[in-house]
C-alpha atoms as a PDB file:
ATOM      1  CA  UNK A   1      -7.107 -25.799 -19.951  1.00  0.00           C
ATOM      2  CA  UNK A   2      -5.508 -24.660 -16.599  1.00  0.00           C
ATOM      3  CA  UNK A   3      -2.312 -22.701 -17.334  1.00  0.00           C
ATOM      4  CA  UNK A   4       0.860 -23.887 -15.539  1.00  0.00           C
ATOM      5  CA  UNK A   5       2.257 -22.375 -12.217  1.00  0.00           C
ATOM      6  CA  UNK A   6       5.799 -21.338 -12.434  1.00  0.00           C
ATOM      7  CA  UNK A   7       8.762 -22.590 -11.089  1.00  0.00           C
ATOM      8  CA  UNK A   8      10.681 -21.033  -8.240  1.00  0.00           C
ATOM      9  CA  UNK A   9       9.448 -19.026  -5.406  1.00  0.00           C
ATOM     10  CA  UNK A  10       6.776 -16.529  -5.529  1.00  0.00           C
ATOM     11  CA  UNK A  11       6.262 -12.956  -4.218  1.00  0.00           C
ATOM     12  CA  UNK A  12       4.079 -13.265  -1.631  1.00  0.00           C
ATOM     13  CA  UNK A  13       1.949 -10.257  -0.466  1.00  0.00           C
ATOM     14  CA  UNK A  14       2.494  -8.408  -3.373  1.00  0.00           C
ATOM     15  CA  UNK A  15       1.149  -4.560  -3.279  1.00  0.00           C
ATOM     16  CA  UNK A  16      -2.016  -3.808  -5.839  1.00  0.00           C
ATOM     17  CA  UNK A  17      -3.239  -0.944  -7.217  1.00  0.00           C
ATOM     18  CA  UNK A  18      -5.644   0.481  -4.893  1.00  0.00           C
ATOM     19  CA  UNK A  19      -8.035   3.754  -5.005  1.00  0.00           C
ATOM     20  CA  UNK A  20      -7.667   5.748  -1.802  1.00  0.00           C
ATOM     21  CA  UNK A  21      -9.637   8.364  -0.807  1.00  0.00           C
ATOM     22  CA  UNK A  22      -7.645  11.394   1.607  1.00  0.00           C
ATOM     23  CA  UNK A  23      -8.196  14.041   4.284  1.00  0.00           C
ATOM     24  CA  UNK A  24      -6.137  16.695   5.283  1.00  0.00           C
ATOM     25  CA  UNK A  25      -2.819  15.086   5.923  1.00  0.00           C
ATOM     26  CA  UNK A  26      -3.087  12.266   3.623  1.00  0.00           C
ATOM     27  CA  UNK A  27      -5.056  10.541   5.887  1.00  0.00           C
ATOM     28  CA  UNK A  28      -6.621   7.545   4.204  1.00  0.00           C
ATOM     29  CA  UNK A  29     -10.632   8.144   4.473  1.00  0.00           C
ATOM     30  CA  UNK A  30     -11.712   5.314   2.021  1.00  0.00           C
ATOM     31  CA  UNK A  31      -9.779   2.129   0.365  1.00  0.00           C
ATOM     32  CA  UNK A  32     -11.609   0.838  -2.616  1.00  0.00           C
ATOM     33  CA  UNK A  33     -15.066   1.767  -1.024  1.00  0.00           C
ATOM     34  CA  UNK A  34     -14.633   0.422   2.235  1.00  0.00           C
ATOM     35  CA  UNK A  35     -15.005   3.810   4.332  1.00  0.00           C
ATOM     36  CA  UNK A  36     -12.043   3.669   7.043  1.00  0.00           C
ATOM     37  CA  UNK A  37     -12.927   3.731  10.618  1.00  0.00           C
ATOM     38  CA  UNK A  38      -9.646   4.051  12.491  1.00  0.00           C
ATOM     39  CA  UNK A  39      -5.864   4.352  11.842  1.00  0.00           C
ATOM     40  CA  UNK A  40      -3.938   2.036  14.029  1.00  0.00           C
ATOM     41  CA  UNK A  41      -0.611   3.122  13.056  1.00  0.00           C
ATOM     42  CA  UNK A  42       1.344   5.304  10.057  1.00  0.00           C
ATOM     43  CA  UNK A  43       5.116   5.240   9.202  1.00  0.00           C
ATOM     44  CA  UNK A  44       7.186   6.257   7.197  1.00  0.00           C
ATOM     45  CA  UNK A  45       9.895   3.873   5.090  1.00  0.00           C
ATOM     46  CA  UNK A  46      13.237   5.538   3.278  1.00  0.00           C
ATOM     47  CA  UNK A  47      15.315   2.426   2.388  1.00  0.00           C
ATOM     48  CA  UNK A  48      17.676   2.232  -0.956  1.00  0.00           C
ATOM     49  CA  UNK A  49      18.481   5.800  -0.310  1.00  0.00           C
ATOM     50  CA  UNK A  50      22.123   5.002  -2.014  1.00  0.00           C
ATOM     51  CA  UNK A  51      20.453   3.429  -5.174  1.00  0.00           C
ATOM     52  CA  UNK A  52      19.103   4.933  -8.337  1.00  0.00           C
ATOM     53  CA  UNK A  53      15.873   3.900  -7.342  1.00  0.00           C
ATOM     54  CA  UNK A  54      15.441   4.682  -3.695  1.00  0.00           C
ATOM     55  CA  UNK A  55      12.304   3.990  -1.733  1.00  0.00           C
ATOM     56  CA  UNK A  56      10.266   6.566   0.215  1.00  0.00           C
ATOM     57  CA  UNK A  57       6.450   5.354   0.891  1.00  0.00           C
ATOM     58  CA  UNK A  58       4.010   6.489   3.739  1.00  0.00           C
ATOM     59  CA  UNK A  59       2.393   3.051   4.492  1.00  0.00           C
ATOM     60  CA  UNK A  60      -0.762   2.982   6.760  1.00  0.00           C
ATOM     61  CA  UNK A  61      -2.305   0.504   8.653  1.00  0.00           C
ATOM     62  CA  UNK A  62      -6.451   1.037   9.019  1.00  0.00           C
ATOM     63  CA  UNK A  63      -9.820  -0.822   9.812  1.00  0.00           C
ATOM     64  CA  UNK A  64     -12.581  -0.567   7.740  1.00  0.00           C
ATOM     65  CA  UNK A  65     -16.143  -0.188   9.311  1.00  0.00           C
ATOM     66  CA  UNK A  66     -16.040  -4.084   8.619  1.00  0.00           C
ATOM     67  CA  UNK A  67     -13.167  -5.021  11.185  1.00  0.00           C
ATOM     68  CA  UNK A  68     -10.990  -5.807   8.383  1.00  0.00           C
ATOM     69  CA  UNK A  69      -7.192  -4.752   8.609  1.00  0.00           C
ATOM     70  CA  UNK A  70      -5.489  -3.152   5.820  1.00  0.00           C
ATOM     71  CA  UNK A  71      -2.168  -1.542   4.939  1.00  0.00           C
ATOM     72  CA  UNK A  72      -1.804   0.750   2.420  1.00  0.00           C
ATOM     73  CA  UNK A  73       0.666   3.266   0.984  1.00  0.00           C
ATOM     74  CA  UNK A  74       1.591   5.316  -0.998  1.00  0.00           C
ATOM     75  CA  UNK A  75       4.942   6.244  -3.211  1.00  0.00           C
ATOM     76  CA  UNK A  76       6.757   9.089  -1.961  1.00  0.00           C
ATOM     77  CA  UNK A  77      10.014   8.748  -4.521  1.00  0.00           C
ATOM     78  CA  UNK A  78       9.380  10.231  -8.245  1.00  0.00           C
ATOM     79  CA  UNK A  79      11.725   6.667  -9.177  1.00  0.00           C
ATOM     80  CA  UNK A  80       8.238   4.458  -8.554  1.00  0.00           C
ATOM     81  CA  UNK A  81       5.154   4.593 -10.014  1.00  0.00           C
ATOM     82  CA  UNK A  82       3.097   7.424  -8.343  1.00  0.00           C
ATOM     83  CA  UNK A  83       0.022   5.954  -6.871  1.00  0.00           C
ATOM     84  CA  UNK A  84      -1.862   4.022  -4.107  1.00  0.00           C
ATOM     85  CA  UNK A  85      -0.902   0.370  -3.063  1.00  0.00           C
ATOM     86  CA  UNK A  86      -2.920  -1.876  -0.772  1.00  0.00           C
ATOM     87  CA  UNK A  87      -1.223  -5.018   0.762  1.00  0.00           C
ATOM     88  CA  UNK A  88      -2.751  -8.055   3.023  1.00  0.00           C
END
């Protein structure tokens, strides 16, 4: 028997925990066992600084050796769970 789907909107592109190995400077070299071929871009997001849970993340858009495009980020603020997360 299948579980009923929850009513209402659902969040798209929900971040999921990722296993990331990094090089010097924090650049990802593997993501969930996939080797990173190239870094397309990196950016820093700082938002909600006026709240009790500010958002501070370093994002990386990368291409793996199999040609897959991935976006990963690392939480930089202690108000959020530490670690790496993947989207897309």
